[in-house]
Protein backbone atom coordinates (compact mmCIF):
# COMPACT_ATOMS: atom_id res chain seq x y z
CA UNK A 1 60.15 -134.42 -58.31
CA UNK A 2 63.26 -132.95 -59.24
CA UNK A 3 61.32 -131.06 -62.01
CA UNK A 4 58.51 -129.23 -59.85
CA UNK A 5 60.85 -128.58 -57.42
CA UNK A 6 62.18 -126.70 -60.43
CA UNK A 7 58.92 -125.79 -61.53
CA UNK A 8 57.89 -124.15 -57.69
CA UNK A 9 61.26 -122.33 -56.99
CA UNK A 10 60.62 -120.68 -60.59
CA UNK A 11 57.50 -119.53 -58.77
CA UNK A 12 58.74 -118.39 -56.17
CA UNK A 13 60.89 -116.00 -58.11
CA UNK A 14 57.68 -114.31 -59.97
CA UNK A 15 55.65 -114.56 -56.67
CA UNK A 16 58.93 -112.53 -54.47
CA UNK A 17 59.22 -109.91 -57.74
CA UNK A 18 55.58 -109.71 -57.01
CA UNK A 19 56.42 -108.56 -53.61
CA UNK A 20 59.47 -107.10 -54.11
CA UNK A 21 57.48 -104.43 -56.91
CA UNK A 22 54.72 -103.86 -54.01
CA UNK A 23 57.16 -102.98 -51.66
CA UNK A 24 60.32 -101.22 -53.12
CA UNK A 25 58.13 -99.45 -55.74
CA UNK A 26 59.59 -95.96 -55.67
CA UNK A 27 61.89 -96.44 -53.16
CA UNK A 28 65.47 -95.29 -54.06
CA UNK A 29 67.42 -97.31 -51.18
CA UNK A 30 66.15 -100.13 -49.90
CA UNK A 31 67.79 -102.61 -47.71
CA UNK A 32 68.77 -105.08 -50.79
CA UNK A 33 69.53 -108.60 -49.24
CA UNK A 34 66.53 -109.04 -47.66
CA UNK A 35 64.54 -109.46 -50.82
CA UNK A 36 67.43 -112.29 -51.42
CA UNK A 37 66.42 -113.86 -48.22
CA UNK A 38 62.77 -113.65 -48.73
CA UNK A 39 63.01 -116.10 -52.25
CA UNK A 40 65.43 -118.23 -50.44
CA UNK A 41 62.29 -118.45 -47.75
CA UNK A 42 59.64 -119.07 -50.24
CA UNK A 43 61.34 -121.64 -52.59
CA UNK A 44 61.92 -123.64 -49.80
CA UNK A 45 58.33 -123.21 -48.53
CA UNK A 46 57.14 -124.50 -51.68
CA UNK A 47 59.75 -127.05 -52.22
CA UNK A 48 59.26 -128.37 -48.74
CA UNK A 49 55.82 -128.89 -49.11
CA UNK A 50 56.07 -130.00 -53.03
CA UNK A 51 58.00 -132.47 -51.71
CA UNK A 52 55.68 -133.74 -49.31
CA UNK A 53 52.84 -133.88 -51.72
CA UNK A 54 54.68 -135.37 -54.06
CA UNK A 55 56.74 -137.77 -52.72
CA UNK A 56 53.08 -138.46 -50.67
CA UNK A 57 51.54 -139.64 -54.42
CA UNK A 58 54.12 -141.11 -55.77
CA UNK A 59 55.23 -143.68 -52.82
CA UNK A 60 52.05 -143.39 -50.68
CA UNK A 61 50.81 -147.08 -51.55
CA UNK A 62 54.24 -149.31 -51.72
CA UNK A 63 55.22 -152.84 -50.92
CA UNK A 64 58.08 -154.53 -50.26
CA UNK A 65 58.66 -158.19 -50.47
CA UNK A 66 58.84 -159.23 -47.68
CA UNK A 67 59.44 -163.17 -46.59
CA UNK A 68 58.45 -164.02 -49.50
CA UNK A 69 54.69 -161.44 -48.82
CA UNK A 70 53.73 -158.33 -50.21
CA UNK A 71 54.10 -155.93 -46.76
CA UNK A 72 52.68 -152.72 -47.57
CA UNK A 73 54.66 -149.89 -46.22
CA UNK A 74 52.02 -146.65 -45.24
CA UNK A 75 54.60 -144.35 -43.67
CA UNK A 76 57.62 -144.29 -45.34
CA UNK A 77 56.74 -141.34 -47.90
CA UNK A 78 56.50 -139.05 -45.01
CA UNK A 79 59.89 -140.12 -44.14
CA UNK A 80 62.40 -139.98 -46.78
CA UNK A 81 60.55 -135.98 -47.41
CA UNK A 82 61.55 -135.94 -44.30
CA UNK A 83 65.02 -136.44 -44.32
CA UNK A 84 65.07 -135.58 -48.24
CA UNK A 85 63.75 -131.84 -46.91
CA UNK A 86 66.59 -131.90 -43.81
CA UNK A 87 68.99 -132.25 -46.00
CA UNK A 88 67.62 -128.35 -48.62
CA UNK A 89 67.07 -126.76 -45.58
CA UNK A 90 69.78 -127.48 -43.44
CA UNK A 91 71.80 -126.47 -47.33
CA UNK A 92 70.02 -123.76 -48.77
CA UNK A 93 67.87 -121.77 -45.62
CA UNK A 94 70.30 -122.20 -42.81
CA UNK A 95 73.45 -122.13 -44.34
CA UNK A 96 72.89 -119.20 -46.31
CA UNK A 97 71.26 -117.48 -43.41
CA UNK A 98 73.83 -117.87 -41.28
CA UNK A 99 76.96 -116.72 -43.36
CA UNK A 100 74.97 -113.80 -43.93
CA UNK A 101 75.47 -112.60 -39.92
CA UNK A 102 79.30 -113.11 -41.28
CA UNK A 103 78.99 -111.82 -44.43
CA UNK A 104 75.83 -108.98 -44.62
CA UNK A 105 76.64 -105.00 -44.89
CA UNK A 106 73.93 -104.02 -42.03
CA UNK A 107 75.48 -105.89 -39.11
CA UNK A 108 78.02 -104.35 -36.85
CA UNK A 109 80.97 -106.92 -36.83
CA UNK A 110 81.07 -105.19 -40.83
CA UNK A 111 80.09 -101.88 -40.30
CA UNK A 112 83.32 -102.04 -37.51
CA UNK A 113 85.85 -103.24 -40.83
């Protein structure tokens, strides 16, 4: 699972590179924060979807031994993927986005300083 997420993070880099090359080709001035934030959001979207697909493929048919009987747990895959993705989303997407509101050179608070 971790390998897939790392692989798709690499794909996100190349997707963002293609978008940035098309959008900023020939420009001398542009907002350098935009491609960085776009990279974070593209990587997050790819990694979140990879997590759900990978969880489904790996543990959708999970069975546990309960009272001596194998019991199917068909919904555990999306619950575990949701827990893992919320943790990822909070740490990788919301945190840089919220910090940017205080540290961005384009924000009024930084310009006043």
